[in-house]
Amino acid sequence: MSEAEDQSIIESYQFHHIDISKCRECREFSCEEACFRGIYEVINKDSIPKCTVVEDREDRCVKCHMCTTACKPRAITID
């Protein structure tokens, strides 16, 4: 029996969910560029990147899914 554990670390906001374990692989930071509402900010770009939702901007999201499409590691989900 395999003892493999799910290495995903999901940070959940109001309706955005970001698997920050997948953010670690990212070098493009396309979520910031794709979102025309400025909802995402990637911190620690030079070391261990982590995508975050900018405080007080999540309500501006129109759920266009441009960010989920642009994110190469598929770290972002929206419900």
Protein backbone atom coordinates (compact mmCIF):
# COMPACT_ATOMS: atom_id res chain seq x y z
CA MET A 1 0.00 0.00 0.00
CA SER A 2 1.34 3.39 -0.99
CA GLU A 3 1.85 6.00 1.66
CA ALA A 4 1.99 8.87 -0.80
CA GLU A 5 0.51 12.03 0.63
CA ASP A 6 -1.15 14.83 -1.26
CA GLN A 7 1.46 17.58 -1.35
CA SER A 8 -1.07 20.25 -2.32
CA ILE A 9 -1.38 23.25 -0.06
CA ILE A 10 -4.55 25.12 -0.97
CA GLU A 11 -5.09 28.69 0.16
CA SER A 12 -8.75 29.54 -0.09
CA TYR A 13 -10.24 32.98 -0.35
CA GLN A 14 -13.90 33.88 -0.86
CA PHE A 15 -14.16 31.96 -4.15
CA HIS A 16 -10.55 31.72 -5.36
CA HIS A 17 -8.47 28.71 -4.41
CA ILE A 18 -4.73 28.64 -5.05
CA ASP A 19 -2.54 25.54 -4.79
CA ILE A 20 0.62 27.26 -3.58
CA SER A 21 2.64 24.05 -3.94
CA LYS A 22 2.14 24.45 -7.72
CA CYS A 23 3.12 28.14 -7.54
CA ARG A 24 6.61 27.07 -6.50
CA GLU A 25 7.27 25.79 -10.05
CA CYS A 26 6.11 28.98 -11.76
CA ARG A 27 8.54 31.38 -13.39
CA GLU A 28 6.14 33.24 -15.69
CA PHE A 29 3.74 34.84 -13.16
CA SER A 30 1.10 34.97 -15.85
CA CYS A 31 -1.78 35.24 -13.37
CA GLU A 32 -0.76 38.84 -12.59
CA GLU A 33 -0.61 39.75 -16.26
CA ALA A 34 -3.79 37.92 -17.33
CA CYS A 35 -6.08 39.47 -14.73
CA PHE A 36 -7.20 42.86 -15.98
CA ARG A 37 -8.74 43.59 -12.56
CA GLY A 38 -5.44 43.29 -10.66
CA ILE A 39 -6.71 40.58 -8.34
CA TYR A 40 -3.48 38.58 -8.11
CA GLU A 41 -0.06 39.42 -6.76
CA VAL A 42 2.86 37.03 -6.80
CA ILE A 43 5.16 37.45 -3.83
CA ASN A 44 8.69 36.05 -3.43
CA LYS A 45 9.31 35.95 -7.19
CA ASP A 46 13.07 35.61 -6.69
CA SER A 47 12.88 32.67 -4.31
CA ILE A 48 9.73 30.60 -3.72
CA PRO A 49 6.88 32.25 -5.66
CA LYS A 50 3.43 32.38 -4.10
CA CYS A 51 0.31 33.71 -5.77
CA THR A 52 -2.04 35.65 -3.51
CA VAL A 53 -5.34 37.45 -3.93
CA VAL A 54 -4.93 41.15 -3.20
CA GLU A 55 -6.94 42.14 -0.16
CA ASP A 56 -10.24 43.88 -0.96
CA ARG A 57 -10.02 43.09 -4.70
CA GLU A 58 -11.61 39.65 -4.86
CA ASP A 59 -15.10 41.16 -5.18
CA ARG A 60 -13.97 42.80 -8.45
CA CYS A 61 -13.57 39.38 -10.11
CA VAL A 62 -15.99 38.74 -12.97
CA LYS A 63 -15.00 35.04 -13.11
CA CYS A 64 -13.75 35.29 -16.69
CA HIS A 65 -11.23 32.48 -16.03
CA MET A 66 -8.44 34.24 -17.92
CA CYS A 67 -6.23 33.61 -14.89
CA THR A 68 -6.99 29.89 -14.70
CA THR A 69 -6.19 29.55 -18.40
CA ALA A 70 -2.99 31.61 -18.18
CA CYS A 71 -1.66 29.76 -15.13
CA LYS A 72 0.64 27.08 -16.60
CA PRO A 73 0.91 24.99 -13.40
CA ARG A 74 -2.93 25.10 -13.05
CA ALA A 75 -2.67 26.37 -9.49
CA ILE A 76 -5.78 28.60 -9.58
CA THR A 77 -9.38 27.44 -9.36
CA ILE A 78 -12.51 29.56 -9.07
CA ASP A 79 -15.94 28.44 -7.90
